[in-house]
Structures are given as structure tokens and as C-alpha cells.
Amino acid sequence: MQEAVPEGEGAMAAVLGLEPSEVARICAEVDGVVAPANFNSPVQTVIAGRRIAVLEACERMTAAGAKRVVALDVSAPFHCALMAPAMEKLVPELAAARFGDLKTPVIANFDAQPYTRAVEARQRLRDQVCAPVRWVDCVQKLVASGVKLELEVGPGKVLSGLAAKLDRSLGRANIEKLGDLEGALARTAEACA
């Protein structure tokens, strides 16, 4: 993904306090590549694209009433059209990987729709590279599907924190290190009881 955009040519920024539709509208009015990359909450949208276009969009977001616009320290402008070269490099890797149908549905982050078939997994993993992450829609889909607990695996608690703001009924557990596993399993057992 880093190879898709030379260092310093891309950027990302978090826009706080504007409706996602307003963020998308402003991005569409800017010359150059800039678009929503992550719909994190109803009041937080991350944008990505060419640095100059992102900077212009940030200025317009501030003028439009954004509470804050924060440049993100990232290595590339993820989840936007500039990732197309990375997406194309991923295609043969996905084709070569062994996939089986899934027993548990996965909610795709770019359209918040569940899938279980191996062929869908390949396509959705490809498509998500350039598409925005629709976290709000994903959490809403999980809750509507009866999910009671969100388990975040990996460093930090950003996603579970965002999920908590979207729906307080959704339980949360985090696994950052092996020592967190026992507590997460206990939370899972409670949620499934």
C-alpha cells in the first residue's frame, strides 16, 4: 500500500462535528483526489487522498463548521482511489490463497453486508482496499442481527470505543495481548448466556 502513493503525496485527516454527507459533499467539490475513507461515527469522518486536495478539503470543512479537523500521521492515504495499484497487486495474491466458505458470516466493511462464500471473500477483500470503511453501518448491522458483544483483536481500543458511542447495548471486549484472552472469553460467555 505504501508503494501505491509516494511518501508525502498522500494524506488523511479526521473531520469532527460535520455530518458524513456534508463531508462527502465538500470532498466532491475539491479538485483532485479526496474522499471519505472511514465513516467512524455520525460526527467523525476520516478523509483521504492527495495531500494538496486533503488540505483544501480540511480548510473547507473548517469553514463549513467542523469542530475540529485533525491531520493523521499515517504512511499512506488508505481506503481511497489512490490505493488502486495496491488493490491490483492484491488480486493475484487473493487468487492464489486458499479460501473455504465461512461458517460464520462476516460483515464487509465497505458495504456493511454479510457474506459467507469464499468467492465473495476474495472479491470483498479486493474491493475494500479502495472503498471507505462504513463502521457506523457495520455496527448497526451487527446490532440488528442480534450481536451482543463486539470483540476487538489487536492494538488499541479505537473500534470498540467507536462502537460504544454508536450503541451502548453492545458489549465490548478487547484482546491486545495473550493476557487479555481470559477476560475476553469471560465477557463472551456472559454475552452468550
Foldseek 3Di string as FASTA:
>chain_A
DLVLDPFPFKWKKKFFADAQVVLQVLLVVFPAWKGFAEPLDRGITMMMGTPVSNVVSLVVSVVVPTPDMGIDPDSHRWQAPSCVVVLVVCLVVLVPDDDAFAPDWDQQQQPRDTGGGSVVVSVSVSVRRNGHGYLLSNLVSCVVVPAAEDEAEAPDCSSVVSSCVNPVRRHYAYHHDPVRVVVVVVVVVVRVD
